[in-house]
C-alpha atoms as a PDB file:
ATOM      1  CA  UNK A   1     218.700 133.402  63.668  1.00  0.00           C
ATOM      2  CA  UNK A   2     222.104 133.687  62.099  1.00  0.00           C
ATOM      3  CA  UNK A   3     224.054 130.681  63.382  1.00  0.00           C
ATOM      4  CA  UNK A   4     223.355 126.961  63.397  1.00  0.00           C
ATOM      5  CA  UNK A   5     222.359 125.300  66.665  1.00  0.00           C
ATOM      6  CA  UNK A   6     225.049 123.415  68.551  1.00  0.00           C
ATOM      7  CA  UNK A   7     224.710 119.751  69.459  1.00  0.00           C
ATOM      8  CA  UNK A   8     225.382 119.014  73.133  1.00  0.00           C
ATOM      9  CA  UNK A   9     225.912 115.420  74.310  1.00  0.00           C
ATOM     10  CA  UNK A  10     226.665 113.876  77.673  1.00  0.00           C
ATOM     11  CA  UNK A  11     225.230 114.362  81.138  1.00  0.00           C
ATOM     12  CA  UNK A  12     221.774 113.012  80.335  1.00  0.00           C
ATOM     13  CA  UNK A  13     219.569 114.009  77.422  1.00  0.00           C
ATOM     14  CA  UNK A  14     221.334 115.208  74.265  1.00  0.00           C
ATOM     15  CA  UNK A  15     220.057 118.531  72.963  1.00  0.00           C
ATOM     16  CA  UNK A  16     220.431 121.254  70.378  1.00  0.00           C
ATOM     17  CA  UNK A  17     221.394 124.674  71.709  1.00  0.00           C
ATOM     18  CA  UNK A  18     220.925 127.969  69.877  1.00  0.00           C
ATOM     19  CA  UNK A  19     222.475 130.973  71.600  1.00  0.00           C
ATOM     20  CA  UNK A  20     221.191 134.529  71.092  1.00  0.00           C
ATOM     21  CA  UNK A  21     222.488 136.655  68.272  1.00  0.00           C
ATOM     22  CA  UNK A  22     223.620 139.238  70.844  1.00  0.00           C
ATOM     23  CA  UNK A  23     225.238 137.216  73.651  1.00  0.00           C
ATOM     24  CA  UNK A  24     226.526 140.348  75.391  1.00  0.00           C
ATOM     25  CA  UNK A  25     222.967 141.346  76.331  1.00  0.00           C
ATOM     26  CA  UNK A  26     222.561 138.723  79.097  1.00  0.00           C
ATOM     27  CA  UNK A  27     220.539 137.655  80.994  1.00  0.00           C
ATOM     28  CA  UNK A  28     218.645 135.961  78.185  1.00  0.00           C
ATOM     29  CA  UNK A  29     215.159 134.462  78.082  1.00  0.00           C
ATOM     30  CA  UNK A  30     215.271 130.677  77.639  1.00  0.00           C
ATOM     31  CA  UNK A  31     212.891 128.703  75.425  1.00  0.00           C
ATOM     32  CA  UNK A  32     212.757 124.894  75.721  1.00  0.00           C
ATOM     33  CA  UNK A  33     211.144 122.855  72.949  1.00  0.00           C
ATOM     34  CA  UNK A  34     209.775 119.341  73.547  1.00  0.00           C
ATOM     35  CA  UNK A  35     209.350 117.241  70.400  1.00  0.00           C
ATOM     36  CA  UNK A  36     206.525 114.884  69.461  1.00  0.00           C
ATOM     37  CA  UNK A  37     206.405 111.126  68.893  1.00  0.00           C
ATOM     38  CA  UNK A  38     208.102 110.796  65.508  1.00  0.00           C
ATOM     39  CA  UNK A  39     211.014 113.031  66.468  1.00  0.00           C
ATOM     40  CA  UNK A  40     212.289 110.797  69.243  1.00  0.00           C
ATOM     41  CA  UNK A  41     215.315 108.557  68.708  1.00  0.00           C
ATOM     42  CA  UNK A  42     216.341 106.891  66.450  1.00  0.00           C
ATOM     43  CA  UNK A  43     215.512 109.827  64.151  1.00  0.00           C
ATOM     44  CA  UNK A  44     218.760 111.827  63.715  1.00  0.00           C
ATOM     45  CA  UNK A  45     218.670 114.622  66.271  1.00  0.00           C
ATOM     46  CA  UNK A  46     219.494 117.508  63.938  1.00  0.00           C
ATOM     47  CA  UNK A  47     216.676 116.441  61.607  1.00  0.00           C
ATOM     48  CA  UNK A  48     214.201 115.703  64.378  1.00  0.00           C
ATOM     49  CA  UNK A  49     214.552 118.928  66.327  1.00  0.00           C
ATOM     50  CA  UNK A  50     214.444 121.246  63.331  1.00  0.00           C
ATOM     51  CA  UNK A  51     211.407 119.593  61.725  1.00  0.00           C
ATOM     52  CA  UNK A  52     208.904 121.418  63.961  1.00  0.00           C
ATOM     53  CA  UNK A  53     209.333 124.003  66.667  1.00  0.00           C
ATOM     54  CA  UNK A  54     211.369 127.190  67.026  1.00  0.00           C
ATOM     55  CA  UNK A  55     214.483 125.792  65.294  1.00  0.00           C
ATOM     56  CA  UNK A  56     212.663 125.100  62.020  1.00  0.00           C
ATOM     57  CA  UNK A  57     213.967 127.042  59.016  1.00  0.00           C
ATOM     58  CA  UNK A  58     211.710 129.923  58.036  1.00  0.00           C
ATOM     59  CA  UNK A  59     210.660 130.965  61.532  1.00  0.00           C
ATOM     60  CA  UNK A  60     210.889 134.696  62.364  1.00  0.00           C
ATOM     61  CA  UNK A  61     214.533 135.432  63.134  1.00  0.00           C
ATOM     62  CA  UNK A  62     213.899 138.803  64.752  1.00  0.00           C
ATOM     63  CA  UNK A  63     211.301 137.366  67.150  1.00  0.00           C
ATOM     64  CA  UNK A  64     213.593 134.472  68.094  1.00  0.00           C
ATOM     65  CA  UNK A  65     216.812 136.477  68.346  1.00  0.00           C
ATOM     66  CA  UNK A  66     216.636 137.261  72.103  1.00  0.00           C
ATOM     67  CA  UNK A  67     216.147 133.637  73.194  1.00  0.00           C
ATOM     68  CA  UNK A  68     218.455 130.848  74.213  1.00  0.00           C
ATOM     69  CA  UNK A  69     216.681 127.952  72.475  1.00  0.00           C
ATOM     70  CA  UNK A  70     217.073 124.439  73.856  1.00  0.00           C
ATOM     71  CA  UNK A  71     215.664 121.300  72.200  1.00  0.00           C
ATOM     72  CA  UNK A  72     216.391 117.969  73.949  1.00  0.00           C
ATOM     73  CA  UNK A  73     215.702 114.583  72.371  1.00  0.00           C
ATOM     74  CA  UNK A  74     214.316 111.570  74.203  1.00  0.00           C
ATOM     75  CA  UNK A  75     216.152 108.258  73.637  1.00  0.00           C
ATOM     76  CA  UNK A  76     212.848 106.464  72.987  1.00  0.00           C
ATOM     77  CA  UNK A  77     209.488 107.474  71.540  1.00  0.00           C
ATOM     78  CA  UNK A  78     206.278 107.943  73.449  1.00  0.00           C
ATOM     79  CA  UNK A  79     204.092 110.223  75.540  1.00  0.00           C
ATOM     80  CA  UNK A  80     206.686 110.067  78.304  1.00  0.00           C
ATOM     81  CA  UNK A  81     208.327 113.458  78.743  1.00  0.00           C
ATOM     82  CA  UNK A  82     207.475 113.202  82.451  1.00  0.00           C
ATOM     83  CA  UNK A  83     210.143 110.489  82.767  1.00  0.00           C
ATOM     84  CA  UNK A  84     212.796 112.990  81.709  1.00  0.00           C
ATOM     85  CA  UNK A  85     211.831 115.860  83.996  1.00  0.00           C
ATOM     86  CA  UNK A  86     215.121 115.611  85.893  1.00  0.00           C
ATOM     87  CA  UNK A  87     217.094 115.645  82.652  1.00  0.00           C
ATOM     88  CA  UNK A  88     215.292 118.752  81.438  1.00  0.00           C
ATOM     89  CA  UNK A  89     215.863 120.477  84.766  1.00  0.00           C
ATOM     90  CA  UNK A  90     219.584 119.635  84.645  1.00  0.00           C
ATOM     91  CA  UNK A  91     219.864 121.149  81.168  1.00  0.00           C
ATOM     92  CA  UNK A  92     218.018 124.268  82.320  1.00  0.00           C
ATOM     93  CA  UNK A  93     220.359 124.647  85.299  1.00  0.00           C
ATOM     94  CA  UNK A  94     223.382 124.394  83.017  1.00  0.00           C
ATOM     95  CA  UNK A  95     221.991 126.911  80.545  1.00  0.00           C
ATOM     96  CA  UNK A  96     221.248 129.381  83.309  1.00  0.00           C
ATOM     97  CA  UNK A  97     224.719 129.035  84.790  1.00  0.00           C
ATOM     98  CA  UNK A  98     226.859 128.678  81.673  1.00  0.00           C
ATOM     99  CA  UNK A  99     225.091 130.814  79.088  1.00  0.00           C
ATOM    100  CA  UNK A 100     223.552 133.699  80.982  1.00  0.00           C
ATOM    101  CA  UNK A 101     219.968 132.463  81.006  1.00  0.00           C
ATOM    102  CA  UNK A 102     217.330 134.361  82.957  1.00  0.00           C
ATOM    103  CA  UNK A 103     215.668 132.159  85.580  1.00  0.00           C
ATOM    104  CA  UNK A 104     212.685 134.532  85.699  1.00  0.00           C
ATOM    105  CA  UNK A 105     212.092 134.133  81.952  1.00  0.00           C
ATOM    106  CA  UNK A 106     212.357 130.406  81.279  1.00  0.00           C
ATOM    107  CA  UNK A 107     209.612 129.185  78.940  1.00  0.00           C
ATOM    108  CA  UNK A 108     208.647 125.721  77.740  1.00  0.00           C
ATOM    109  CA  UNK A 109     206.856 124.776  74.532  1.00  0.00           C
ATOM    110  CA  UNK A 110     206.094 121.502  72.802  1.00  0.00           C
ATOM    111  CA  UNK A 111     204.230 119.994  69.880  1.00  0.00           C
ATOM    112  CA  UNK A 112     201.831 117.032  70.044  1.00  0.00           C
ATOM    113  CA  UNK A 113     203.170 114.641  72.714  1.00  0.00           C
ATOM    114  CA  UNK A 114     205.623 117.430  73.484  1.00  0.00           C
ATOM    115  CA  UNK A 115     202.626 119.643  74.220  1.00  0.00           C
ATOM    116  CA  UNK A 116     201.511 117.049  76.762  1.00  0.00           C
ATOM    117  CA  UNK A 117     205.034 117.176  78.160  1.00  0.00           C
ATOM    118  CA  UNK A 118     204.755 120.929  78.641  1.00  0.00           C
ATOM    119  CA  UNK A 119     201.907 120.430  81.103  1.00  0.00           C
ATOM    120  CA  UNK A 120     203.425 117.324  82.710  1.00  0.00           C
ATOM    121  CA  UNK A 121     206.728 119.057  83.426  1.00  0.00           C
ATOM    122  CA  UNK A 122     205.012 122.188  84.662  1.00  0.00           C
ATOM    123  CA  UNK A 123     203.131 120.081  87.223  1.00  0.00           C
ATOM    124  CA  UNK A 124     206.333 118.313  88.279  1.00  0.00           C
ATOM    125  CA  UNK A 125     208.397 121.515  88.368  1.00  0.00           C
ATOM    126  CA  UNK A 126     206.354 124.280  90.009  1.00  0.00           C
ATOM    127  CA  UNK A 127     207.812 127.795  89.984  1.00  0.00           C
ATOM    128  CA  UNK A 128     210.245 126.858  87.209  1.00  0.00           C
ATOM    129  CA  UNK A 129     208.562 127.971  83.978  1.00  0.00           C
ATOM    130  CA  UNK A 130     207.328 131.526  83.494  1.00  0.00           C
ATOM    131  CA  UNK A 131     204.959 130.450  80.708  1.00  0.00           C
ATOM    132  CA  UNK A 132     203.748 127.307  78.974  1.00  0.00           C
ATOM    133  CA  UNK A 133     203.079 127.059  75.226  1.00  0.00           C
ATOM    134  CA  UNK A 134     201.449 123.836  74.053  1.00  0.00           C
ATOM    135  CA  UNK A 135     200.913 123.253  70.336  1.00  0.00           C
ATOM    136  CA  UNK A 136     198.148 120.744  69.519  1.00  0.00           C
ATOM    137  CA  UNK A 137     198.562 118.569  72.633  1.00  0.00           C
ATOM    138  CA  UNK A 138     196.675 115.278  72.693  1.00  0.00           C
ATOM    139  CA  UNK A 139     195.264 115.326  76.233  1.00  0.00           C
ATOM    140  CA  UNK A 140     193.961 117.814  78.784  1.00  0.00           C
ATOM    141  CA  UNK A 141     196.277 118.262  81.802  1.00  0.00           C
ATOM    142  CA  UNK A 142     195.152 116.421  84.901  1.00  0.00           C
ATOM    143  CA  UNK A 143     195.140 119.620  86.972  1.00  0.00           C
ATOM    144  CA  UNK A 144     195.838 123.330  86.702  1.00  0.00           C
ATOM    145  CA  UNK A 145     199.569 123.984  86.094  1.00  0.00           C
ATOM    146  CA  UNK A 146     199.402 127.376  87.846  1.00  0.00           C
ATOM    147  CA  UNK A 147     201.293 129.256  85.140  1.00  0.00           C
ATOM    148  CA  UNK A 148     200.651 131.468  82.142  1.00  0.00           C
ATOM    149  CA  UNK A 149     199.450 129.373  79.170  1.00  0.00           C
ATOM    150  CA  UNK A 150     199.205 129.832  75.405  1.00  0.00           C
ATOM    151  CA  UNK A 151     197.519 126.905  73.642  1.00  0.00           C
ATOM    152  CA  UNK A 152     197.744 126.600  69.854  1.00  0.00           C
ATOM    153  CA  UNK A 153     194.948 124.300  68.648  1.00  0.00           C
ATOM    154  CA  UNK A 154     195.232 121.844  65.771  1.00  0.00           C
ATOM    155  CA  UNK A 155     193.064 118.968  64.668  1.00  0.00           C
ATOM    156  CA  UNK A 156     193.975 116.729  67.616  1.00  0.00           C
ATOM    157  CA  UNK A 157     193.440 119.126  70.525  1.00  0.00           C
ATOM    158  CA  UNK A 158     190.351 120.491  68.775  1.00  0.00           C
ATOM    159  CA  UNK A 159     188.449 117.311  69.683  1.00  0.00           C
ATOM    160  CA  UNK A 160     188.899 118.284  73.353  1.00  0.00           C
ATOM    161  CA  UNK A 161     188.673 122.034  72.856  1.00  0.00           C
ATOM    162  CA  UNK A 162     186.006 122.690  75.461  1.00  0.00           C
ATOM    163  CA  UNK A 163     187.901 120.610  78.013  1.00  0.00           C
ATOM    164  CA  UNK A 164     191.146 122.523  77.468  1.00  0.00           C
ATOM    165  CA  UNK A 165     189.421 125.906  77.647  1.00  0.00           C
ATOM    166  CA  UNK A 166     187.531 125.050  80.817  1.00  0.00           C
ATOM    167  CA  UNK A 167     190.423 123.299  82.578  1.00  0.00           C
ATOM    168  CA  UNK A 168     192.874 126.110  81.872  1.00  0.00           C
ATOM    169  CA  UNK A 169     190.587 129.149  81.878  1.00  0.00           C
ATOM    170  CA  UNK A 170     191.664 130.204  78.389  1.00  0.00           C
ATOM    171  CA  UNK A 171     190.566 133.322  76.520  1.00  0.00           C
ATOM    172  CA  UNK A 172     190.580 133.690  72.715  1.00  0.00           C
ATOM    173  CA  UNK A 173     193.822 135.245  71.472  1.00  0.00           C
ATOM    174  CA  UNK A 174     191.803 136.767  68.636  1.00  0.00           C
ATOM    175  CA  UNK A 175     190.270 139.084  71.260  1.00  0.00           C
ATOM    176  CA  UNK A 176     193.328 139.685  73.438  1.00  0.00           C
ATOM    177  CA  UNK A 177     196.990 138.705  73.569  1.00  0.00           C
ATOM    178  CA  UNK A 178     197.490 140.558  76.843  1.00  0.00           C
ATOM    179  CA  UNK A 179     195.816 137.923  79.015  1.00  0.00           C
ATOM    180  CA  UNK A 180     197.963 135.353  80.835  1.00  0.00           C
ATOM    181  CA  UNK A 181     195.922 132.414  79.496  1.00  0.00           C
ATOM    182  CA  UNK A 182     194.934 132.412  75.854  1.00  0.00           C
ATOM    183  CA  UNK A 183     194.259 130.080  72.952  1.00  0.00           C
ATOM    184  CA  UNK A 184     194.419 130.373  69.179  1.00  0.00           C
ATOM    185  CA  UNK A 185     192.705 128.099  66.658  1.00  0.00           C
ATOM    186  CA  UNK A 186     193.455 128.867  63.022  1.00  0.00           C
ATOM    187  CA  UNK A 187     191.677 125.773  61.726  1.00  0.00           C
ATOM    188  CA  UNK A 188     194.847 123.898  60.752  1.00  0.00           C
ATOM    189  CA  UNK A 189     195.574 120.186  60.813  1.00  0.00           C
ATOM    190  CA  UNK A 190     198.108 118.701  63.219  1.00  0.00           C
ATOM    191  CA  UNK A 191     201.334 119.573  61.401  1.00  0.00           C
ATOM    192  CA  UNK A 192     199.903 122.793  60.008  1.00  0.00           C
ATOM    193  CA  UNK A 193     199.171 124.053  63.504  1.00  0.00           C
ATOM    194  CA  UNK A 194     202.864 123.706  64.398  1.00  0.00           C
ATOM    195  CA  UNK A 195     203.995 125.394  61.197  1.00  0.00           C
ATOM    196  CA  UNK A 196     201.815 128.441  61.842  1.00  0.00           C
ATOM    197  CA  UNK A 197     202.395 128.605  65.590  1.00  0.00           C
ATOM    198  CA  UNK A 198     206.175 128.678  65.481  1.00  0.00           C
ATOM    199  CA  UNK A 199     206.111 131.377  62.790  1.00  0.00           C
ATOM    200  CA  UNK A 200     203.828 133.647  64.805  1.00  0.00           C
ATOM    201  CA  UNK A 201     205.648 136.720  66.134  1.00  0.00           C
ATOM    202  CA  UNK A 202     202.763 137.455  68.495  1.00  0.00           C
ATOM    203  CA  UNK A 203     203.388 134.343  70.555  1.00  0.00           C
ATOM    204  CA  UNK A 204     207.091 135.080  71.113  1.00  0.00           C
ATOM    205  CA  UNK A 205     206.148 138.616  72.163  1.00  0.00           C
ATOM    206  CA  UNK A 206     203.540 137.174  74.543  1.00  0.00           C
ATOM    207  CA  UNK A 207     206.148 134.862  76.060  1.00  0.00           C
ATOM    208  CA  UNK A 208     208.534 137.730  76.717  1.00  0.00           C
ATOM    209  CA  UNK A 209     205.771 139.567  78.581  1.00  0.00           C
ATOM    210  CA  UNK A 210     205.536 136.697  81.115  1.00  0.00           C
ATOM    211  CA  UNK A 211     207.839 136.423  84.133  1.00  0.00           C
ATOM    212  CA  UNK A 212     207.871 134.247  87.224  1.00  0.00           C
ATOM    213  CA  UNK A 213     205.952 136.090  89.888  1.00  0.00           C
ATOM    214  CA  UNK A 214     204.140 138.268  87.346  1.00  0.00           C
ATOM    215  CA  UNK A 215     205.150 141.069  84.948  1.00  0.00           C
END
């Protein structure tokens, strides 16, 4: 990624926006990132949303280059992304309309409580997200989100590993990255799982292979 993300305020949740390096090649895939507990306000937004996730320095620029990256920040901390589902949807609508986003290739990822938010929003917003990518979430979703899923395990989700795999029908990514529901466990702790996940070219390639309604 060559340019710094833009800060966007007003109209609901504030967010950082990173546009593709080749804006003329629209429509663009869209990748939303939902932060964890510590990165909620009052932590400064630019610091919070580049600490983990796709906007962190050192992530693979070539793999991220095609995406519009969007990282909203909640005004309070907690496992409460479900309360901001309408705000996230409004941002997505704006990005699709104003920046050439591809509605068939809108993806959502999150770390820790943000990983919980990935599943919560998918359940509240059916037929919106082409794929879900949860990084060390803290709880198993209450029901099947009916979407493609990549789950990156860390030390927190690992305690419920069997529950996640059974509830979501996940296959090991070590055996296949072509399946629509996979998991990867590289034995890392909580923060380490995010560091490795968001540097993994394979996951961005997997996302781009997913579309609403199938390949």
